[in-house]
């Protein structure tokens, strides 16, 4: 097994990501948002993200940008 796939490596990457996210929030660069969606809406979001070839977070950003131009 490659070193990158060991449990230890996975835990280190998770820890590093958590620390990075915390620093980004503390700097006011990102905001953590949690919400519950109906399954149909979540499925639509996943489908949009897949079609765009981006993460769900990025898909939401793209939709917000597009919608704000229409206001």
N, C-alpha and C. Protein backbone atom coordinates (compact mmCIF):
# COMPACT_ATOMS: atom_id res chain seq x y z
N UNK A 1 0.85 -1.18 0.00
CA UNK A 1 0.00 0.00 0.00
C UNK A 1 0.90 1.24 0.00
N UNK A 2 0.55 2.20 -0.83
CA UNK A 2 1.30 3.45 -0.88
C UNK A 2 1.13 4.19 0.44
N UNK A 3 2.15 4.93 0.82
CA UNK A 3 2.10 5.66 2.08
C UNK A 3 0.92 6.62 2.14
N UNK A 4 0.54 7.20 1.01
CA UNK A 4 -0.55 8.17 0.98
C UNK A 4 -1.89 7.55 1.34
N UNK A 5 -1.97 6.23 1.29
CA UNK A 5 -3.24 5.57 1.54
C UNK A 5 -3.33 4.95 2.94
N UNK A 6 -2.32 5.11 3.74
CA UNK A 6 -2.36 4.54 5.09
C UNK A 6 -3.32 5.34 5.95
N UNK A 7 -3.82 4.71 6.99
CA UNK A 7 -4.73 5.40 7.92
C UNK A 7 -4.05 6.62 8.52
N UNK A 8 -2.77 6.49 8.84
CA UNK A 8 -2.02 7.61 9.42
C UNK A 8 -2.00 8.80 8.45
N UNK A 9 -1.71 8.53 7.18
CA UNK A 9 -1.67 9.60 6.18
C UNK A 9 -3.04 10.24 6.00
N UNK A 10 -4.08 9.43 5.98
CA UNK A 10 -5.43 9.95 5.84
C UNK A 10 -5.78 10.86 7.01
N UNK A 11 -5.41 10.45 8.21
CA UNK A 11 -5.68 11.26 9.40
C UNK A 11 -4.90 12.57 9.36
N UNK A 12 -3.64 12.51 8.90
CA UNK A 12 -2.84 13.73 8.79
C UNK A 12 -3.47 14.70 7.79
N UNK A 13 -3.92 14.20 6.65
CA UNK A 13 -4.55 15.07 5.65
C UNK A 13 -5.83 15.69 6.19
N UNK A 14 -6.61 14.90 6.91
CA UNK A 14 -7.85 15.42 7.49
C UNK A 14 -7.54 16.50 8.52
N UNK A 15 -6.52 16.27 9.33
CA UNK A 15 -6.13 17.26 10.34
C UNK A 15 -5.65 18.55 9.68
N UNK A 16 -4.83 18.41 8.65
CA UNK A 16 -4.32 19.58 7.93
C UNK A 16 -5.47 20.36 7.30
N UNK A 17 -6.42 19.66 6.70
CA UNK A 17 -7.57 20.32 6.07
C UNK A 17 -8.41 21.04 7.11
N UNK A 18 -8.63 20.42 8.25
CA UNK A 18 -9.42 21.04 9.32
C UNK A 18 -8.74 22.30 9.82
N UNK A 19 -7.42 22.25 9.98
CA UNK A 19 -6.68 23.43 10.45
C UNK A 19 -6.74 24.55 9.41
N UNK A 20 -6.59 24.19 8.13
CA UNK A 20 -6.64 25.19 7.07
C UNK A 20 -8.02 25.85 7.04
N UNK A 21 -9.07 25.03 7.12
CA UNK A 21 -10.43 25.57 7.13
C UNK A 21 -10.65 26.49 8.31
N UNK A 22 -10.14 26.11 9.47
CA UNK A 22 -10.29 26.94 10.67
C UNK A 22 -9.60 28.29 10.48
N UNK A 23 -8.38 28.28 9.93
CA UNK A 23 -7.66 29.54 9.69
C UNK A 23 -8.41 30.41 8.69
N UNK A 24 -8.97 29.79 7.66
CA UNK A 24 -9.72 30.55 6.66
C UNK A 24 -10.95 31.20 7.29
N UNK A 25 -11.66 30.47 8.16
CA UNK A 25 -12.83 31.03 8.85
C UNK A 25 -12.42 32.16 9.78
N UNK A 26 -11.34 31.95 10.54
CA UNK A 26 -10.88 32.98 11.47
C UNK A 26 -10.46 34.25 10.74
N UNK A 27 -9.93 34.11 9.53
CA UNK A 27 -9.51 35.26 8.74
C UNK A 27 -10.69 35.93 8.04
N UNK A 28 -11.87 35.33 8.16
CA UNK A 28 -13.05 35.90 7.52
C UNK A 28 -13.11 35.66 6.02
N UNK A 29 -12.34 34.70 5.53
CA UNK A 29 -12.30 34.43 4.10
C UNK A 29 -13.37 33.43 3.65
N UNK A 30 -13.83 32.62 4.58
CA UNK A 30 -14.88 31.65 4.26
C UNK A 30 -15.86 31.61 5.42
N UNK A 31 -17.05 31.14 5.14
CA UNK A 31 -18.08 30.98 6.15
C UNK A 31 -18.59 29.55 6.04
N UNK A 32 -18.71 28.89 7.16
CA UNK A 32 -19.24 27.54 7.17
C UNK A 32 -20.76 27.63 7.26
N UNK A 33 -21.43 27.02 6.28
CA UNK A 33 -22.89 27.07 6.22
C UNK A 33 -23.40 25.64 6.26
N UNK A 34 -24.35 25.40 7.12
CA UNK A 34 -24.97 24.08 7.17
C UNK A 34 -26.46 24.21 6.96
N UNK A 35 -27.02 23.38 6.12
CA UNK A 35 -28.45 23.42 5.90
C UNK A 35 -28.93 22.05 5.46
N UNK A 36 -30.22 21.85 5.58
CA UNK A 36 -30.85 20.60 5.20
C UNK A 36 -31.70 20.87 3.96
N UNK A 37 -31.52 20.02 2.95
CA UNK A 37 -32.28 20.16 1.71
C UNK A 37 -33.20 18.98 1.51
N UNK A 38 -34.33 19.20 0.88
CA UNK A 38 -35.13 18.05 0.47
C UNK A 38 -34.29 17.19 -0.48
N UNK A 39 -34.49 15.90 -0.46
CA UNK A 39 -33.70 14.99 -1.27
C UNK A 39 -33.73 15.38 -2.74
N UNK A 40 -34.90 15.78 -3.24
CA UNK A 40 -35.01 16.16 -4.65
C UNK A 40 -34.09 17.33 -4.98
N UNK A 41 -34.04 18.31 -4.10
CA UNK A 41 -33.19 19.48 -4.31
C UNK A 41 -31.72 19.09 -4.24
N UNK A 42 -31.37 18.27 -3.26
CA UNK A 42 -29.99 17.81 -3.13
C UNK A 42 -29.57 17.02 -4.36
N UNK A 43 -30.47 16.20 -4.87
CA UNK A 43 -30.18 15.43 -6.09
C UNK A 43 -29.97 16.36 -7.28
N UNK A 44 -30.79 17.42 -7.36
CA UNK A 44 -30.63 18.40 -8.45
C UNK A 44 -29.28 19.08 -8.34
N UNK A 45 -28.91 19.46 -7.13
CA UNK A 45 -27.62 20.12 -6.93
C UNK A 45 -26.48 19.19 -7.34
N UNK A 46 -26.55 17.94 -6.94
CA UNK A 46 -25.51 16.97 -7.30
C UNK A 46 -25.44 16.80 -8.82
N UNK A 47 -26.59 16.77 -9.47
CA UNK A 47 -26.63 16.63 -10.93
C UNK A 47 -26.02 17.84 -11.62
N UNK A 48 -26.35 19.03 -11.14
CA UNK A 48 -25.78 20.26 -11.70
C UNK A 48 -24.27 20.26 -11.53
N UNK A 49 -23.81 19.93 -10.34
CA UNK A 49 -22.37 19.90 -10.08
C UNK A 49 -21.68 18.90 -10.99
N UNK A 50 -22.29 17.74 -11.17
CA UNK A 50 -21.69 16.72 -12.04
C UNK A 50 -21.62 17.20 -13.48
N UNK A 51 -22.70 17.83 -13.96
CA UNK A 51 -22.72 18.33 -15.34
C UNK A 51 -21.67 19.42 -15.55
N UNK A 52 -21.47 20.25 -14.53
CA UNK A 52 -20.48 21.32 -14.62
C UNK A 52 -19.06 20.82 -14.36
N UNK A 53 -18.96 19.63 -13.78
CA UNK A 53 -17.65 19.07 -13.46
C UNK A 53 -16.99 19.77 -12.28
N UNK A 54 -17.82 20.22 -11.33
CA UNK A 54 -17.30 20.93 -10.16
C UNK A 54 -17.90 20.34 -8.89
N UNK A 55 -17.41 20.81 -7.75
CA UNK A 55 -17.97 20.38 -6.47
C UNK A 55 -19.34 21.02 -6.27
N UNK A 56 -20.08 20.51 -5.31
CA UNK A 56 -21.39 21.11 -5.00
C UNK A 56 -21.21 22.54 -4.50
N UNK A 57 -20.15 22.78 -3.73
CA UNK A 57 -19.88 24.13 -3.24
C UNK A 57 -19.66 25.08 -4.40
N UNK A 58 -18.85 24.66 -5.37
CA UNK A 58 -18.58 25.50 -6.53
C UNK A 58 -19.84 25.69 -7.36
N UNK A 59 -20.66 24.65 -7.47
CA UNK A 59 -21.92 24.75 -8.22
C UNK A 59 -22.82 25.81 -7.59
N UNK A 60 -22.88 25.85 -6.27
CA UNK A 60 -23.69 26.87 -5.58
C UNK A 60 -23.13 28.25 -5.89
N UNK A 61 -21.81 28.40 -5.89
CA UNK A 61 -21.19 29.69 -6.21
C UNK A 61 -21.54 30.14 -7.62
N UNK A 62 -21.47 29.20 -8.56
CA UNK A 62 -21.80 29.51 -9.95
C UNK A 62 -23.25 29.95 -10.07
N UNK A 63 -24.15 29.23 -9.41
CA UNK A 63 -25.57 29.59 -9.47
C UNK A 63 -25.83 30.95 -8.84
N UNK A 64 -25.17 31.25 -7.73
CA UNK A 64 -25.33 32.56 -7.08
C UNK A 64 -24.85 33.67 -7.99
N UNK A 65 -23.70 33.45 -8.63
CA UNK A 65 -23.15 34.46 -9.53
C UNK A 65 -24.11 34.71 -10.70
N UNK A 66 -24.62 33.64 -11.28
CA UNK A 66 -25.56 33.76 -12.40
C UNK A 66 -26.85 34.45 -11.96
N UNK A 67 -27.38 34.07 -10.82
CA UNK A 67 -28.63 34.65 -10.35
C UNK A 67 -28.45 36.13 -10.02
N UNK A 68 -27.33 36.49 -9.41
CA UNK A 68 -27.12 37.90 -9.02
C UNK A 68 -27.04 38.81 -10.24
N UNK A 69 -26.60 38.28 -11.37
CA UNK A 69 -26.55 39.08 -12.60
C UNK A 69 -27.95 39.34 -13.14
N UNK A 70 -28.88 38.45 -12.82
CA UNK A 70 -30.24 38.58 -13.32
C UNK A 70 -31.10 39.50 -12.46
N UNK A 71 -30.63 39.87 -11.29
CA UNK A 71 -31.42 40.73 -10.40
C UNK A 71 -31.41 42.17 -10.86
